[in-house]
């Protein structure tokens, strides 16, 4: 139900979209990163060797979130 304030209605806050990277893909990314490859090489290897279609920005976002947890 929306809150009503004056003549306008305000929408409830939206949820963040689910991650494009699932658990099995996370495991693959972590294994490839353990080989000290850069993100572009990780992305290329996922697509070429594992037939996983994922955007570079999704891998970059996962990598940044992973760095934040390990710091």
N, C-alpha and C. Protein backbone atom coordinates (compact mmCIF):
# COMPACT_ATOMS: atom_id res chain seq x y z
N UNK A 1 0.84 -1.18 0.00
CA UNK A 1 0.00 0.00 0.00
C UNK A 1 0.89 1.24 0.00
N UNK A 2 0.55 2.18 -0.80
CA UNK A 2 1.32 3.40 -0.91
C UNK A 2 0.87 4.42 0.11
N UNK A 3 1.83 5.18 0.61
CA UNK A 3 1.49 6.27 1.52
C UNK A 3 1.02 7.45 0.70
N UNK A 4 0.02 8.12 1.21
CA UNK A 4 -0.51 9.26 0.47
C UNK A 4 -0.13 10.54 1.19
N UNK A 5 0.50 11.43 0.46
CA UNK A 5 0.87 12.74 1.01
C UNK A 5 0.39 13.78 0.02
N UNK A 6 -0.56 14.54 0.39
CA UNK A 6 -1.09 15.56 -0.50
C UNK A 6 -1.66 14.92 -1.76
N UNK A 7 -1.54 15.59 -2.88
CA UNK A 7 -2.10 15.05 -4.12
C UNK A 7 -1.23 13.97 -4.76
N UNK A 8 -0.02 13.75 -4.22
CA UNK A 8 0.90 12.77 -4.81
C UNK A 8 0.98 11.52 -3.95
N UNK A 9 1.22 10.42 -4.58
CA UNK A 9 1.44 9.17 -3.86
C UNK A 9 2.93 8.85 -3.92
N UNK A 10 3.45 8.35 -2.83
CA UNK A 10 4.85 7.94 -2.83
C UNK A 10 4.92 6.43 -2.89
N UNK A 11 5.84 5.95 -3.68
CA UNK A 11 6.00 4.50 -3.81
C UNK A 11 6.91 3.97 -2.71
N UNK A 12 6.70 2.72 -2.34
CA UNK A 12 7.61 2.12 -1.36
C UNK A 12 9.00 1.95 -1.98
N UNK A 13 10.02 1.86 -1.15
CA UNK A 13 11.37 1.70 -1.71
C UNK A 13 11.46 0.40 -2.51
N UNK A 14 12.22 0.45 -3.60
CA UNK A 14 12.37 -0.74 -4.43
C UNK A 14 13.51 -1.60 -3.91
N UNK A 15 13.44 -2.88 -4.19
CA UNK A 15 14.50 -3.80 -3.80
C UNK A 15 15.62 -3.74 -4.82
N UNK A 16 16.82 -4.04 -4.34
CA UNK A 16 17.94 -4.14 -5.26
C UNK A 16 17.77 -5.40 -6.09
N UNK A 17 18.17 -5.36 -7.34
CA UNK A 17 18.06 -6.57 -8.17
C UNK A 17 18.99 -7.66 -7.65
N UNK A 18 18.58 -8.89 -7.88
CA UNK A 18 19.40 -10.02 -7.46
C UNK A 18 20.70 -10.03 -8.25
N UNK A 19 21.71 -10.60 -7.66
CA UNK A 19 23.01 -10.67 -8.33
C UNK A 19 22.91 -11.52 -9.59
N UNK A 20 23.61 -11.10 -10.62
CA UNK A 20 23.63 -11.85 -11.88
C UNK A 20 24.56 -13.06 -11.77
N UNK A 21 25.29 -13.15 -10.68
CA UNK A 21 26.27 -14.22 -10.52
C UNK A 21 25.77 -15.19 -9.45
N UNK A 22 25.58 -16.44 -9.83
CA UNK A 22 25.10 -17.44 -8.87
C UNK A 22 26.27 -18.09 -8.13
N UNK A 23 25.95 -19.00 -7.20
CA UNK A 23 26.98 -19.59 -6.34
C UNK A 23 28.04 -20.37 -7.12
N UNK A 24 27.62 -21.14 -8.12
CA UNK A 24 28.61 -21.92 -8.87
C UNK A 24 29.53 -21.00 -9.68
N UNK A 25 28.98 -19.91 -10.20
CA UNK A 25 29.81 -18.96 -10.94
C UNK A 25 30.76 -18.23 -9.99
N UNK A 26 30.29 -17.93 -8.78
CA UNK A 26 31.18 -17.30 -7.78
C UNK A 26 32.38 -18.19 -7.50
N UNK A 27 32.12 -19.49 -7.36
CA UNK A 27 33.21 -20.44 -7.09
C UNK A 27 34.22 -20.45 -8.24
N UNK A 28 33.72 -20.42 -9.47
CA UNK A 28 34.62 -20.38 -10.63
C UNK A 28 35.43 -19.09 -10.64
N UNK A 29 34.77 -17.97 -10.39
CA UNK A 29 35.48 -16.68 -10.38
C UNK A 29 36.56 -16.68 -9.31
N UNK A 30 36.23 -17.17 -8.12
CA UNK A 30 37.22 -17.22 -7.04
C UNK A 30 38.41 -18.10 -7.41
N UNK A 31 38.13 -19.24 -8.06
CA UNK A 31 39.22 -20.13 -8.47
C UNK A 31 40.10 -19.46 -9.53
N UNK A 32 39.50 -18.77 -10.47
CA UNK A 32 40.28 -18.10 -11.51
C UNK A 32 41.06 -16.94 -10.92
N UNK A 33 40.45 -16.20 -10.00
CA UNK A 33 41.16 -15.08 -9.36
C UNK A 33 42.34 -15.58 -8.54
N UNK A 34 42.26 -16.81 -8.02
CA UNK A 34 43.38 -17.37 -7.26
C UNK A 34 44.61 -17.56 -8.15
N UNK A 35 44.40 -17.59 -9.47
CA UNK A 35 45.51 -17.71 -10.41
C UNK A 35 46.12 -16.33 -10.72
N UNK A 36 45.65 -15.31 -10.04
CA UNK A 36 46.15 -13.93 -10.18
C UNK A 36 45.98 -13.38 -11.60
N UNK A 37 44.82 -13.67 -12.19
CA UNK A 37 44.50 -13.11 -13.50
C UNK A 37 43.71 -11.83 -13.29
N UNK A 38 43.75 -10.94 -14.28
CA UNK A 38 42.96 -9.71 -14.16
C UNK A 38 41.50 -9.99 -14.51
N UNK A 39 40.64 -9.02 -14.24
CA UNK A 39 39.20 -9.23 -14.41
C UNK A 39 38.82 -9.53 -15.85
N UNK A 40 39.47 -8.88 -16.79
CA UNK A 40 39.15 -9.15 -18.21
C UNK A 40 39.46 -10.60 -18.57
N UNK A 41 40.55 -11.12 -18.05
CA UNK A 41 40.89 -12.52 -18.31
C UNK A 41 39.90 -13.46 -17.63
N UNK A 42 39.45 -13.10 -16.44
CA UNK A 42 38.42 -13.90 -15.75
C UNK A 42 37.16 -13.93 -16.60
N UNK A 43 36.74 -12.77 -17.05
CA UNK A 43 35.52 -12.65 -17.87
C UNK A 43 35.64 -13.47 -19.15
N UNK A 44 36.78 -13.35 -19.82
CA UNK A 44 37.00 -14.09 -21.07
C UNK A 44 37.00 -15.59 -20.81
N UNK A 45 37.65 -16.02 -19.75
CA UNK A 45 37.72 -17.45 -19.45
C UNK A 45 36.34 -18.01 -19.12
N UNK A 46 35.54 -17.25 -18.38
CA UNK A 46 34.18 -17.72 -18.07
C UNK A 46 33.38 -17.93 -19.35
N UNK A 47 33.49 -17.00 -20.27
CA UNK A 47 32.73 -17.12 -21.52
C UNK A 47 33.28 -18.20 -22.43
N UNK A 48 34.60 -18.24 -22.62
CA UNK A 48 35.20 -19.16 -23.58
C UNK A 48 35.31 -20.59 -23.06
N UNK A 49 35.77 -20.75 -21.83
CA UNK A 49 36.03 -22.09 -21.31
C UNK A 49 34.82 -22.72 -20.62
N UNK A 50 33.92 -21.89 -20.09
CA UNK A 50 32.81 -22.43 -19.29
C UNK A 50 31.44 -22.10 -19.86
N UNK A 51 31.39 -21.42 -21.00
CA UNK A 51 30.12 -21.04 -21.65
C UNK A 51 29.16 -20.33 -20.71
N UNK A 52 29.71 -19.46 -19.87
CA UNK A 52 28.90 -18.67 -18.94
C UNK A 52 28.77 -17.27 -19.51
N UNK A 53 27.54 -16.83 -19.70
CA UNK A 53 27.29 -15.50 -20.22
C UNK A 53 27.01 -14.56 -19.05
N UNK A 54 27.96 -13.69 -18.78
CA UNK A 54 27.83 -12.73 -17.69
C UNK A 54 28.53 -11.45 -18.12
N UNK A 55 27.99 -10.33 -17.70
CA UNK A 55 28.58 -9.06 -18.12
C UNK A 55 29.87 -8.78 -17.34
N UNK A 56 30.74 -8.02 -17.98
CA UNK A 56 31.97 -7.61 -17.32
C UNK A 56 31.66 -6.79 -16.07
N UNK A 57 30.63 -5.95 -16.14
CA UNK A 57 30.29 -5.11 -14.99
C UNK A 57 29.81 -5.96 -13.81
N UNK A 58 29.16 -7.09 -14.07
CA UNK A 58 28.73 -7.97 -12.98
C UNK A 58 29.94 -8.60 -12.29
N UNK A 59 30.92 -9.00 -13.08
CA UNK A 59 32.14 -9.57 -12.50
C UNK A 59 32.88 -8.50 -11.71
N UNK A 60 32.95 -7.31 -12.25
CA UNK A 60 33.61 -6.20 -11.57
C UNK A 60 32.92 -5.89 -10.24
N UNK A 61 31.59 -5.86 -10.24
CA UNK A 61 30.84 -5.60 -9.00
C UNK A 61 31.08 -6.70 -7.97
N UNK A 62 31.10 -7.95 -8.42
CA UNK A 62 31.38 -9.07 -7.50
C UNK A 62 32.79 -8.93 -6.93
N UNK A 63 33.75 -8.61 -7.77
CA UNK A 63 35.12 -8.46 -7.32
C UNK A 63 35.24 -7.35 -6.28
N UNK A 64 34.59 -6.21 -6.54
CA UNK A 64 34.63 -5.10 -5.58
C UNK A 64 33.99 -5.49 -4.25
N UNK A 65 32.87 -6.22 -4.30
CA UNK A 65 32.21 -6.63 -3.05
C UNK A 65 33.08 -7.64 -2.30
N UNK A 66 33.78 -8.47 -3.05
CA UNK A 66 34.67 -9.47 -2.45
C UNK A 66 35.85 -8.79 -1.76
N UNK A 67 36.38 -7.74 -2.37
CA UNK A 67 37.49 -7.00 -1.78
C UNK A 67 37.04 -6.34 -0.48
N UNK A 68 35.83 -5.83 -0.45
CA UNK A 68 35.32 -5.17 0.75
C UNK A 68 35.18 -6.12 1.92
N UNK A 69 34.85 -7.37 1.64
CA UNK A 69 34.70 -8.36 2.71
C UNK A 69 36.03 -8.81 3.25
N UNK A 70 37.06 -8.87 2.40
CA UNK A 70 38.35 -9.39 2.84
C UNK A 70 39.22 -8.31 3.49
N UNK A 71 38.82 -7.06 3.36
CA UNK A 71 39.63 -5.96 3.92
C UNK A 71 39.42 -5.82 5.40
